[in-house]
Amino acid sequence: ITGDGAAEDGTHRVRVLLELTALEPDGVDFDAADWEVERLGGGSSRAV
């Protein structure tokens, strides 16, 4: 996954400000690869 350069035609890039809080004794294991943006009608985008 490349993050350099401009977005492809017909797309734009958005920066999502995500906050996670660990409440359970086991905590939270965060991995950016586990998160993706899904769109109505199907299709998804992984984090760049």
All heavy atoms as atom14 arrays in JSON, in Angstrom:
{
  "sequence": "ITGDGAAEDGTHRVRVLLELTALEPDGVDFDAADWEVERLGGGSSRAV",
  "atom14_mask": [
    [1, 1, 1, 1, 1, 1, 1, 1, 0, 0, 0, 0, 0, 0],
    [1, 1, 1, 1, 1, 1, 1, 0, 0, 0, 0, 0, 0, 0],
    [1, 1, 1, 1, 0, 0, 0, 0, 0, 0, 0, 0, 0, 0],
    [1, 1, 1, 1, 1, 1, 1, 1, 0, 0, 0, 0, 0, 0],
    [1, 1, 1, 1, 0, 0, 0, 0, 0, 0, 0, 0, 0, 0],
    [1, 1, 1, 1, 1, 0, 0, 0, 0, 0, 0, 0, 0, 0],
    [1, 1, 1, 1, 1, 0, 0, 0, 0, 0, 0, 0, 0, 0],
    [1, 1, 1, 1, 1, 1, 1, 1, 1, 0, 0, 0, 0, 0],
    [1, 1, 1, 1, 1, 1, 1, 1, 0, 0, 0, 0, 0, 0],
    [1, 1, 1, 1, 0, 0, 0, 0, 0, 0, 0, 0, 0, 0],
    [1, 1, 1, 1, 1, 1, 1, 0, 0, 0, 0, 0, 0, 0],
    [1, 1, 1, 1, 1, 1, 1, 1, 1, 1, 0, 0, 0, 0],
    [1, 1, 1, 1, 1, 1, 1, 1, 1, 1, 1, 0, 0, 0],
    [1, 1, 1, 1, 1, 1, 1, 0, 0, 0, 0, 0, 0, 0],
    [1, 1, 1, 1, 1, 1, 1, 1, 1, 1, 1, 0, 0, 0],
    [1, 1, 1, 1, 1, 1, 1, 0, 0, 0, 0, 0, 0, 0],
    [1, 1, 1, 1, 1, 1, 1, 1, 0, 0, 0, 0, 0, 0],
    [1, 1, 1, 1, 1, 1, 1, 1, 0, 0, 0, 0, 0, 0],
    [1, 1, 1, 1, 1, 1, 1, 1, 1, 0, 0, 0, 0, 0],
    [1, 1, 1, 1, 1, 1, 1, 1, 0, 0, 0, 0, 0, 0],
    [1, 1, 1, 1, 1, 1, 1, 0, 0, 0, 0, 0, 0, 0],
    [1, 1, 1, 1, 1, 0, 0, 0, 0, 0, 0, 0, 0, 0],
    [1, 1, 1, 1, 1, 1, 1, 1, 0, 0, 0, 0, 0, 0],
    [1, 1, 1, 1, 1, 1, 1, 1, 1, 0, 0, 0, 0, 0],
    [1, 1, 1, 1, 1, 1, 1, 0, 0, 0, 0, 0, 0, 0],
    [1, 1, 1, 1, 1, 1, 1, 1, 0, 0, 0, 0, 0, 0],
    [1, 1, 1, 1, 0, 0, 0, 0, 0, 0, 0, 0, 0, 0],
    [1, 1, 1, 1, 1, 1, 1, 0, 0, 0, 0, 0, 0, 0],
    [1, 1, 1, 1, 1, 1, 1, 1, 0, 0, 0, 0, 0, 0],
    [1, 1, 1, 1, 1, 1, 1, 1, 1, 1, 1, 0, 0, 0],
    [1, 1, 1, 1, 1, 1, 1, 1, 0, 0, 0, 0, 0, 0],
    [1, 1, 1, 1, 1, 0, 0, 0, 0, 0, 0, 0, 0, 0],
    [1, 1, 1, 1, 1, 0, 0, 0, 0, 0, 0, 0, 0, 0],
    [1, 1, 1, 1, 1, 1, 1, 1, 0, 0, 0, 0, 0, 0],
    [1, 1, 1, 1, 1, 1, 1, 1, 1, 1, 1, 1, 1, 1],
    [1, 1, 1, 1, 1, 1, 1, 1, 1, 0, 0, 0, 0, 0],
    [1, 1, 1, 1, 1, 1, 1, 0, 0, 0, 0, 0, 0, 0],
    [1, 1, 1, 1, 1, 1, 1, 1, 1, 0, 0, 0, 0, 0],
    [1, 1, 1, 1, 1, 1, 1, 1, 1, 1, 1, 0, 0, 0],
    [1, 1, 1, 1, 1, 1, 1, 1, 0, 0, 0, 0, 0, 0],
    [1, 1, 1, 1, 0, 0, 0, 0, 0, 0, 0, 0, 0, 0],
    [1, 1, 1, 1, 0, 0, 0, 0, 0, 0, 0, 0, 0, 0],
    [1, 1, 1, 1, 0, 0, 0, 0, 0, 0, 0, 0, 0, 0],
    [1, 1, 1, 1, 1, 1, 0, 0, 0, 0, 0, 0, 0, 0],
    [1, 1, 1, 1, 1, 1, 0, 0, 0, 0, 0, 0, 0, 0],
    [1, 1, 1, 1, 1, 1, 1, 1, 1, 1, 1, 0, 0, 0],
    [1, 1, 1, 1, 1, 0, 0, 0, 0, 0, 0, 0, 0, 0],
    [1, 1, 1, 1, 1, 1, 1, 0, 0, 0, 0, 0, 0, 0]
  ],
  "atom14_positions": [
    [[0.87, -1.18, 0.0], [0.0, 0.0, 0.0], [0.9, 1.22, 0.0], [1.74, 1.39, 0.86], [-0.92, 0.03, 1.23], [-1.77, -1.23, 1.28], [-1.79, 1.25, 1.22], [-2.57, -1.37, 2.55], [0.0, 0.0, 0.0], [0.0, 0.0, 0.0], [0.0, 0.0, 0.0], [0.0, 0.0, 0.0], [0.0, 0.0, 0.0], [0.0, 0.0, 0.0]],
    [[0.71, 2.07, -0.98], [1.53, 3.27, -1.03], [0.74, 4.44, -0.51], [-0.45, 4.57, -0.76], [1.99, 3.57, -2.47], [0.83, 3.75, -3.28], [2.84, 2.44, -3.02], [0.0, 0.0, 0.0], [0.0, 0.0, 0.0], [0.0, 0.0, 0.0], [0.0, 0.0, 0.0], [0.0, 0.0, 0.0], [0.0, 0.0, 0.0], [0.0, 0.0, 0.0]],
    [[1.41, 5.31, 0.2], [0.73, 6.48, 0.75], [1.22, 7.76, 0.11], [0.72, 8.83, 0.4], [0.0, 0.0, 0.0], [0.0, 0.0, 0.0], [0.0, 0.0, 0.0], [0.0, 0.0, 0.0], [0.0, 0.0, 0.0], [0.0, 0.0, 0.0], [0.0, 0.0, 0.0], [0.0, 0.0, 0.0], [0.0, 0.0, 0.0], [0.0, 0.0, 0.0]],
    [[2.24, 7.67, -0.77], [2.74, 8.89, -1.37], [2.02, 9.18, -2.67], [1.47, 8.32, -3.3], [4.27, 8.82, -1.58], [4.75, 7.44, -1.91], [4.07, 6.48, -1.54], [5.81, 7.33, -2.54], [0.0, 0.0, 0.0], [0.0, 0.0, 0.0], [0.0, 0.0, 0.0], [0.0, 0.0, 0.0], [0.0, 0.0, 0.0], [0.0, 0.0, 0.0]],
    [[2.01, 10.44, -3.05], [1.33, 10.86, -4.26], [-0.1, 11.24, -3.98], [-0.6, 11.13, -2.87], [0.0, 0.0, 0.0], [0.0, 0.0, 0.0], [0.0, 0.0, 0.0], [0.0, 0.0, 0.0], [0.0, 0.0, 0.0], [0.0, 0.0, 0.0], [0.0, 0.0, 0.0], [0.0, 0.0, 0.0], [0.0, 0.0, 0.0], [0.0, 0.0, 0.0]],
    [[-0.78, 11.68, -5.03], [-2.16, 12.13, -4.91], [-3.11, 10.94, -5.04], [-2.73, 9.87, -5.48], [-2.46, 13.15, -6.0], [0.0, 0.0, 0.0], [0.0, 0.0, 0.0], [0.0, 0.0, 0.0], [0.0, 0.0, 0.0], [0.0, 0.0, 0.0], [0.0, 0.0, 0.0], [0.0, 0.0, 0.0], [0.0, 0.0, 0.0], [0.0, 0.0, 0.0]],
    [[-4.35, 11.16, -4.64], [-5.37, 10.12, -4.76], [-5.69, 9.89, -6.23], [-5.5, 10.76, -7.08], [-6.63, 10.56, -4.02], [0.0, 0.0, 0.0], [0.0, 0.0, 0.0], [0.0, 0.0, 0.0], [0.0, 0.0, 0.0], [0.0, 0.0, 0.0], [0.0, 0.0, 0.0], [0.0, 0.0, 0.0], [0.0, 0.0, 0.0], [0.0, 0.0, 0.0]],
    [[-6.17, 8.69, -6.54], [-6.55, 8.37, -7.91], [-7.75, 9.21, -8.33], [-8.48, 9.74, -7.5], [-6.92, 6.89, -8.0], [-5.77, 5.95, -7.73], [-6.21, 4.49, -7.79], [-7.27, 4.21, -8.39], [-5.49, 3.65, -7.26], [0.0, 0.0, 0.0], [0.0, 0.0, 0.0], [0.0, 0.0, 0.0], [0.0, 0.0, 0.0], [0.0, 0.0, 0.0]],
    [[-7.96, 9.32, -9.67], [-9.13, 10.05, -10.17], [-10.41, 9.42, -9.65], [-10.53, 8.2, -9.59], [-9.14, 10.04, -11.7], [-8.12, 10.98, -12.3], [-7.65, 11.88, -11.57], [-7.79, 10.82, -13.49], [0.0, 0.0, 0.0], [0.0, 0.0, 0.0], [0.0, 0.0, 0.0], [0.0, 0.0, 0.0], [0.0, 0.0, 0.0], [0.0, 0.0, 0.0]],
    [[-11.36, 10.25, -9.28], [-12.64, 9.77, -8.77], [-12.62, 9.42, -7.3], [-13.61, 8.92, -6.78], [0.0, 0.0, 0.0], [0.0, 0.0, 0.0], [0.0, 0.0, 0.0], [0.0, 0.0, 0.0], [0.0, 0.0, 0.0], [0.0, 0.0, 0.0], [0.0, 0.0, 0.0], [0.0, 0.0, 0.0], [0.0, 0.0, 0.0], [0.0, 0.0, 0.0]],
    [[-11.48, 9.66, -6.64], [-11.39, 9.38, -5.21], [-10.8, 10.58, -4.49], [-10.26, 11.49, -5.12], [-10.5, 8.15, -4.92], [-9.16, 8.45, -5.3], [-10.99, 6.92, -5.65], [0.0, 0.0, 0.0], [0.0, 0.0, 0.0], [0.0, 0.0, 0.0], [0.0, 0.0, 0.0], [0.0, 0.0, 0.0], [0.0, 0.0, 0.0], [0.0, 0.0, 0.0]],
    [[-10.9, 10.57, -3.2], [-10.24, 11.56, -2.36], [-9.82, 10.87, -1.08], [-10.3, 9.79, -0.75], [-11.15, 12.77, -2.08], [-12.37, 12.45, -1.28], [-13.47, 11.81, -1.8], [-12.67, 12.7, 0.01], [-14.39, 11.68, -0.87], [-13.93, 12.2, 0.26], [0.0, 0.0, 0.0], [0.0, 0.0, 0.0], [0.0, 0.0, 0.0], [0.0, 0.0, 0.0]],
    [[-8.9, 11.49, -0.39], [-8.4, 10.91, 0.86], [-9.01, 11.63, 2.05], [-9.18, 12.84, 2.03], [-6.88, 11.0, 0.91], [-6.26, 10.06, -0.1], [-4.78, 10.02, 0.02], [-4.26, 9.03, -0.92], [-2.99, 8.81, -1.11], [-2.08, 9.5, -0.45], [-2.61, 7.89, -1.97], [0.0, 0.0, 0.0], [0.0, 0.0, 0.0], [0.0, 0.0, 0.0]],
    [[-9.35, 10.83, 3.05], [-9.9, 11.38, 4.29], [-9.07, 10.88, 5.45], [-8.58, 9.74, 5.46], [-11.39, 11.01, 4.49], [-12.27, 11.66, 3.46], [-11.59, 9.51, 4.5], [0.0, 0.0, 0.0], [0.0, 0.0, 0.0], [0.0, 0.0, 0.0], [0.0, 0.0, 0.0], [0.0, 0.0, 0.0], [0.0, 0.0, 0.0], [0.0, 0.0, 0.0]],
    [[-8.9, 11.74, 6.42], [-8.17, 11.42, 7.65], [-9.22, 11.21, 8.74], [-9.98, 12.1, 9.07], [-7.23, 12.57, 8.0], [-6.24, 12.23, 9.07], [-5.15, 13.28, 9.16], [-4.31, 13.34, 7.98], [-3.24, 12.55, 7.77], [-2.92, 11.65, 8.67], [-2.52, 12.67, 6.69], [0.0, 0.0, 0.0], [0.0, 0.0, 0.0], [0.0, 0.0, 0.0]],
    [[-9.26, 9.98, 9.27], [-10.22, 9.62, 10.31], [-9.52, 9.7, 11.66], [-8.48, 9.07, 11.87], [-10.77, 8.19, 10.08], [-11.7, 7.78, 11.21], [-11.47, 8.1, 8.74], [0.0, 0.0, 0.0], [0.0, 0.0, 0.0], [0.0, 0.0, 0.0], [0.0, 0.0, 0.0], [0.0, 0.0, 0.0], [0.0, 0.0, 0.0], [0.0, 0.0, 0.0]],
    [[-10.07, 10.52, 12.56], [-9.52, 10.67, 13.91], [-10.22, 9.66, 14.81], [-11.38, 9.83, 15.18], [-9.74, 12.09, 14.42], [-9.28, 13.21, 13.47], [-9.63, 14.57, 14.05], [-7.8, 13.1, 13.18], [0.0, 0.0, 0.0], [0.0, 0.0, 0.0], [0.0, 0.0, 0.0], [0.0, 0.0, 0.0], [0.0, 0.0, 0.0], [0.0, 0.0, 0.0]],
    [[-9.5, 8.59, 15.13], [-10.07, 7.48, 15.89], [-9.52, 7.49, 17.31], [-8.32, 7.66, 17.52], [-9.71, 6.15, 15.2], [-10.18, 4.87, 15.88], [-11.7, 4.78, 15.89], [-9.58, 3.66, 15.17], [0.0, 0.0, 0.0], [0.0, 0.0, 0.0], [0.0, 0.0, 0.0], [0.0, 0.0, 0.0], [0.0, 0.0, 0.0], [0.0, 0.0, 0.0]],
    [[-10.42, 7.29, 18.28], [-10.03, 7.21, 19.69], [-10.48, 5.86, 20.23], [-11.63, 5.46, 20.06], [-10.69, 8.33, 20.49], [-10.35, 8.32, 21.95], [-11.03, 9.45, 22.71], [-11.55, 10.38, 22.08], [-11.06, 9.37, 23.95], [0.0, 0.0, 0.0], [0.0, 0.0, 0.0], [0.0, 0.0, 0.0], [0.0, 0.0, 0.0], [0.0, 0.0, 0.0]],
    [[-9.55, 5.15, 20.89], [-9.84, 3.87, 21.51], [-9.59, 3.97, 23.0], [-8.61, 4.59, 23.43], [-8.95, 2.77, 20.92], [-9.14, 2.5, 19.44], [-7.94, 1.78, 18.87], [-10.39, 1.7, 19.21], [0.0, 0.0, 0.0], [0.0, 0.0, 0.0], [0.0, 0.0, 0.0], [0.0, 0.0, 0.0], [0.0, 0.0, 0.0], [0.0, 0.0, 0.0]],
    [[-10.45, 3.36, 23.8], [-10.29, 3.34, 25.26], [-10.42, 1.91, 25.74], [-11.4, 1.23, 25.42], [-11.37, 4.21, 25.94], [-11.31, 5.53, 25.39], [-11.16, 4.27, 27.44], [0.0, 0.0, 0.0], [0.0, 0.0, 0.0], [0.0, 0.0, 0.0], [0.0, 0.0, 0.0], [0.0, 0.0, 0.0], [0.0, 0.0, 0.0], [0.0, 0.0, 0.0]],
    [[-9.42, 1.44, 26.49], [-9.43, 0.09, 27.03], [-10.19, 0.07, 28.35], [-9.83, 0.76, 29.29], [-8.01, -0.41, 27.23], [0.0, 0.0, 0.0], [0.0, 0.0, 0.0], [0.0, 0.0, 0.0], [0.0, 0.0, 0.0], [0.0, 0.0, 0.0], [0.0, 0.0, 0.0], [0.0, 0.0, 0.0], [0.0, 0.0, 0.0], [0.0, 0.0, 0.0]],
    [[-11.26, -0.72, 28.42], [-12.07, -0.81, 29.64], [-11.92, -2.16, 30.34], [-12.07, -2.24, 31.55], [-13.55, -0.59, 29.3], [-13.92, 0.77, 28.71], [-15.39, 0.81, 28.36], [-13.57, 1.88, 29.68], [0.0, 0.0, 0.0], [0.0, 0.0, 0.0], [0.0, 0.0, 0.0], [0.0, 0.0, 0.0], [0.0, 0.0, 0.0], [0.0, 0.0, 0.0]],
    [[-11.67, -3.19, 29.59], [-11.58, -4.55, 30.14], [-10.18, -4.82, 30.67], [-9.21, -4.2, 30.23], [-11.94, -5.57, 29.06], [-13.32, -5.38, 28.46], [-14.44, -5.66, 29.44], [-14.28, -6.56, 30.29], [-15.46, -4.98, 29.37], [0.0, 0.0, 0.0], [0.0, 0.0, 0.0], [0.0, 0.0, 0.0], [0.0, 0.0, 0.0], [0.0, 0.0, 0.0]],
    [[-10.03, -5.78, 31.59], [-8.71, -6.12, 32.13], [-7.72, -6.57, 31.05], [-6.52, -6.33, 31.19], [-9.0, -7.26, 33.11], [-10.43, -7.1, 33.48], [-11.11, -6.5, 32.29], [0.0, 0.0, 0.0], [0.0, 0.0, 0.0], [0.0, 0.0, 0.0], [0.0, 0.0, 0.0], [0.0, 0.0, 0.0], [0.0, 0.0, 0.0], [0.0, 0.0, 0.0]],
    [[-8.2, -7.2, 29.98], [-7.31, -7.65, 28.91], [-6.86, -6.51, 28.01], [-5.95, -6.69, 27.2], [-8.0, -8.73, 28.06], [-8.22, -10.01, 28.84], [-7.53, -10.22, 29.86], [-9.1, -10.79, 28.43], [0.0, 0.0, 0.0], [0.0, 0.0, 0.0], [0.0, 0.0, 0.0], [0.0, 0.0, 0.0], [0.0, 0.0, 0.0], [0.0, 0.0, 0.0]],
    [[-7.5, -5.36, 28.09], [-7.13, -4.21, 27.28], [-7.62, -4.32, 25.85], [-8.47, -5.14, 25.52], [0.0, 0.0, 0.0], [0.0, 0.0, 0.0], [0.0, 0.0, 0.0], [0.0, 0.0, 0.0], [0.0, 0.0, 0.0], [0.0, 0.0, 0.0], [0.0, 0.0, 0.0], [0.0, 0.0, 0.0], [0.0, 0.0, 0.0], [0.0, 0.0, 0.0]],
    [[-7.07, -3.46, 24.99], [-7.42, -3.41, 23.58], [-6.15, -3.56, 22.76], [-5.16, -2.87, 23.01], [-8.11, -2.06, 23.21], [-8.32, -1.94, 21.71], [-9.42, -1.91, 23.95], [0.0, 0.0, 0.0], [0.0, 0.0, 0.0], [0.0, 0.0, 0.0], [0.0, 0.0, 0.0], [0.0, 0.0, 0.0], [0.0, 0.0, 0.0], [0.0, 0.0, 0.0]],
    [[-6.19, -4.47, 21.8], [-5.07, -4.63, 20.87], [-5.43, -3.89, 19.59], [-6.31, -4.34, 18.84], [-4.8, -6.11, 20.57], [-4.21, -6.83, 21.76], [-3.4, -6.2, 22.48], [-4.56, -8.0, 21.98], [0.0, 0.0, 0.0], [0.0, 0.0, 0.0], [0.0, 0.0, 0.0], [0.0, 0.0, 0.0], [0.0, 0.0, 0.0], [0.0, 0.0, 0.0]],
    [[-4.77, -2.77, 19.33], [-5.04, -1.98, 18.14], [-4.05, -2.34, 17.04], [-2.85, -2.38, 17.26], [-4.95, -0.48, 18.43], [-5.01, 0.37, 17.2], [-6.22, 0.54, 16.52], [-3.88, 0.97, 16.67], [-6.28, 1.3, 15.37], [-3.94, 1.72, 15.53], [-5.14, 1.9, 14.87], [0.0, 0.0, 0.0], [0.0, 0.0, 0.0], [0.0, 0.0, 0.0]],
    [[-4.59, -2.58, 15.85], [-3.79, -2.79, 14.65], [-4.52, -2.05, 13.52], [-5.68, -2.36, 13.23], [-3.66, -4.27, 14.33], [-2.72, -4.56, 13.18], [-2.25, -3.59, 12.52], [-2.44, -5.74, 12.92], [0.0, 0.0, 0.0], [0.0, 0.0, 0.0], [0.0, 0.0, 0.0], [0.0, 0.0, 0.0], [0.0, 0.0, 0.0], [0.0, 0.0, 0.0]],
    [[-3.87, -1.08, 12.9], [-4.51, -0.28, 11.85], [-5.0, -1.14, 10.69], [-5.97, -0.8, 10.02], [-3.53, 0.78, 11.34], [0.0, 0.0, 0.0], [0.0, 0.0, 0.0], [0.0, 0.0, 0.0], [0.0, 0.0, 0.0], [0.0, 0.0, 0.0], [0.0, 0.0, 0.0], [0.0, 0.0, 0.0], [0.0, 0.0, 0.0], [0.0, 0.0, 0.0]],
    [[-4.34, -2.28, 10.45], [-4.75, -3.16, 9.36], [-6.11, -3.81, 9.62], [-6.73, -4.32, 8.69], [-3.69, -4.23, 9.14], [0.0, 0.0, 0.0], [0.0, 0.0, 0.0], [0.0, 0.0, 0.0], [0.0, 0.0, 0.0], [0.0, 0.0, 0.0], [0.0, 0.0, 0.0], [0.0, 0.0, 0.0], [0.0, 0.0, 0.0], [0.0, 0.0, 0.0]],
    [[-6.6, -3.79, 10.86], [-7.91, -4.36, 11.19], [-9.07, -3.42, 10.85], [-10.22, -3.83, 10.94], [-7.99, -4.69, 12.69], [-7.07, -5.82, 13.09], [-6.65, -6.59, 12.2], [-6.77, -5.92, 14.29], [0.0, 0.0, 0.0], [0.0, 0.0, 0.0], [0.0, 0.0, 0.0], [0.0, 0.0, 0.0], [0.0, 0.0, 0.0], [0.0, 0.0, 0.0]],
    [[-8.77, -2.19, 10.49], [-9.81, -1.19, 10.25], [-9.9, -0.89, 8.76], [-8.89, -0.77, 8.07], [-9.51, 0.09, 11.03], [-9.56, -0.13, 12.5], [-8.57, -0.62, 13.31], [-10.68, 0.11, 13.35], [-9.0, -0.7, 14.6], [-10.29, -0.25, 14.66], [-11.95, 0.61, 13.13], [-11.15, -0.14, 15.74], [-12.8, 0.73, 14.22], [-12.41, 0.35, 15.5]],
    [[-11.14, -0.76, 8.26], [-11.36, -0.39, 6.87], [-12.65, 0.42, 6.74], [-13.51, 0.38, 7.61], [-11.42, -1.64, 5.98], [-12.58, -2.56, 6.25], [-12.54, -3.82, 5.39], [-11.51, -4.11, 4.77], [-13.56, -4.5, 5.34], [0.0, 0.0, 0.0], [0.0, 0.0, 0.0], [0.0, 0.0, 0.0], [0.0, 0.0, 0.0], [0.0, 0.0, 0.0]],
    [[-12.73, 1.17, 5.66], [-13.93, 1.96, 5.38], [-14.76, 1.18, 4.38], [-14.3, 0.84, 3.29], [-13.56, 3.36, 4.83], [-14.81, 4.08, 4.34], [-12.87, 4.18, 5.89], [0.0, 0.0, 0.0], [0.0, 0.0, 0.0], [0.0, 0.0, 0.0], [0.0, 0.0, 0.0], [0.0, 0.0, 0.0], [0.0, 0.0, 0.0], [0.0, 0.0, 0.0]],
    [[-16.01, 0.9, 4.76], [-16.94, 0.21, 3.87], [-17.94, 1.22, 3.35], [-18.32, 2.16, 4.04], [-17.64, -0.92, 4.61], [-16.72, -2.04, 4.95], [-17.47, -3.33, 5.22], [-18.7, -3.31, 5.38], [-16.79, -4.37, 5.3], [0.0, 0.0, 0.0], [0.0, 0.0, 0.0], [0.0, 0.0, 0.0], [0.0, 0.0, 0.0], [0.0, 0.0, 0.0]],
    [[-18.37, 1.01, 2.11], [-19.34, 1.93, 1.51], [-20.63, 1.2, 1.17], [-20.63, -0.01, 0.94], [-18.76, 2.64, 0.31], [-18.07, 1.79, -0.67], [-17.28, 2.67, -1.67], [-16.51, 1.86, -2.56], [-15.25, 1.5, -2.36], [-14.62, 1.9, -1.28], [-14.62, 0.76, -3.23], [0.0, 0.0, 0.0], [0.0, 0.0, 0.0], [0.0, 0.0, 0.0]],
    [[-21.7, 1.96, 1.15], [-23.02, 1.44, 0.84], [-22.99, 0.8, -0.54], [-22.46, 1.37, -1.48], [-24.04, 2.59, 0.86], [-25.5, 2.22, 0.64], [-26.0, 1.38, 1.8], [-26.33, 3.47, 0.52], [0.0, 0.0, 0.0], [0.0, 0.0, 0.0], [0.0, 0.0, 0.0], [0.0, 0.0, 0.0], [0.0, 0.0, 0.0], [0.0, 0.0, 0.0]],
    [[-23.51, -0.39, -0.66], [-23.54, -1.08, -1.93], [-22.32, -1.97, -2.14], [-22.17, -2.59, -3.18], [0.0, 0.0, 0.0], [0.0, 0.0, 0.0], [0.0, 0.0, 0.0], [0.0, 0.0, 0.0], [0.0, 0.0, 0.0], [0.0, 0.0, 0.0], [0.0, 0.0, 0.0], [0.0, 0.0, 0.0], [0.0, 0.0, 0.0], [0.0, 0.0, 0.0]],
    [[-21.44, -2.04, -1.17], [-20.28, -2.92, -1.27], [-19.01, -2.15, -1.55], [-19.01, -0.99, -1.93], [0.0, 0.0, 0.0], [0.0, 0.0, 0.0], [0.0, 0.0, 0.0], [0.0, 0.0, 0.0], [0.0, 0.0, 0.0], [0.0, 0.0, 0.0], [0.0, 0.0, 0.0], [0.0, 0.0, 0.0], [0.0, 0.0, 0.0], [0.0, 0.0, 0.0]],
    [[-17.92, -2.82, -1.36], [-16.62, -2.22, -1.56], [-16.06, -1.68, -0.26], [-16.8, -1.29, 0.65], [0.0, 0.0, 0.0], [0.0, 0.0, 0.0], [0.0, 0.0, 0.0], [0.0, 0.0, 0.0], [0.0, 0.0, 0.0], [0.0, 0.0, 0.0], [0.0, 0.0, 0.0], [0.0, 0.0, 0.0], [0.0, 0.0, 0.0], [0.0, 0.0, 0.0]],
    [[-14.74, -1.73, -0.16], [-14.1, -1.24, 1.06], [-12.73, -0.67, 0.71], [-12.18, -0.95, -0.35], [-13.97, -2.35, 2.09], [-13.16, -3.39, 1.59], [0.0, 0.0, 0.0], [0.0, 0.0, 0.0], [0.0, 0.0, 0.0], [0.0, 0.0, 0.0], [0.0, 0.0, 0.0], [0.0, 0.0, 0.0], [0.0, 0.0, 0.0], [0.0, 0.0, 0.0]],
    [[-12.2, 0.12, 1.62], [-10.88, 0.73, 1.47], [-10.07, 0.47, 2.73], [-10.54, 0.72, 3.84], [-11.01, 2.24, 1.27], [-11.8, 2.54, 0.16], [0.0, 0.0, 0.0], [0.0, 0.0, 0.0], [0.0, 0.0, 0.0], [0.0, 0.0, 0.0], [0.0, 0.0, 0.0], [0.0, 0.0, 0.0], [0.0, 0.0, 0.0], [0.0, 0.0, 0.0]],
    [[-8.88, -0.01, 2.55], [-7.96, -0.23, 3.66], [-7.21, 1.06, 3.96], [-7.09, 1.93, 3.1], [-6.97, -1.33, 3.31], [-7.61, -2.69, 3.27], [-7.04, -3.47, 4.39], [-7.47, -4.82, 4.55], [-8.18, -5.22, 5.58], [-8.63, -4.35, 6.44], [-8.46, -6.47, 5.76], [0.0, 0.0, 0.0], [0.0, 0.0, 0.0], [0.0, 0.0, 0.0]],
    [[-6.66, 1.17, 5.16], [-5.91, 2.35, 5.54], [-4.64, 2.46, 4.69], [-3.92, 1.5, 4.49], [-5.54, 2.28, 7.01], [0.0, 0.0, 0.0], [0.0, 0.0, 0.0], [0.0, 0.0, 0.0], [0.0, 0.0, 0.0], [0.0, 0.0, 0.0], [0.0, 0.0, 0.0], [0.0, 0.0, 0.0], [0.0, 0.0, 0.0], [0.0, 0.0, 0.0]],
    [[-4.39, 3.67, 4.19], [-3.19, 3.97, 3.43], [-2.06, 4.34, 4.39], [-0.9, 4.06, 4.14], [-3.46, 5.12, 2.43], [-2.21, 5.54, 1.72], [-4.54, 4.72, 1.45], [0.0, 0.0, 0.0], [0.0, 0.0, 0.0], [0.0, 0.0, 0.0], [0.0, 0.0, 0.0], [0.0, 0.0, 0.0], [0.0, 0.0, 0.0], [0.0, 0.0, 0.0]]
  ]
}
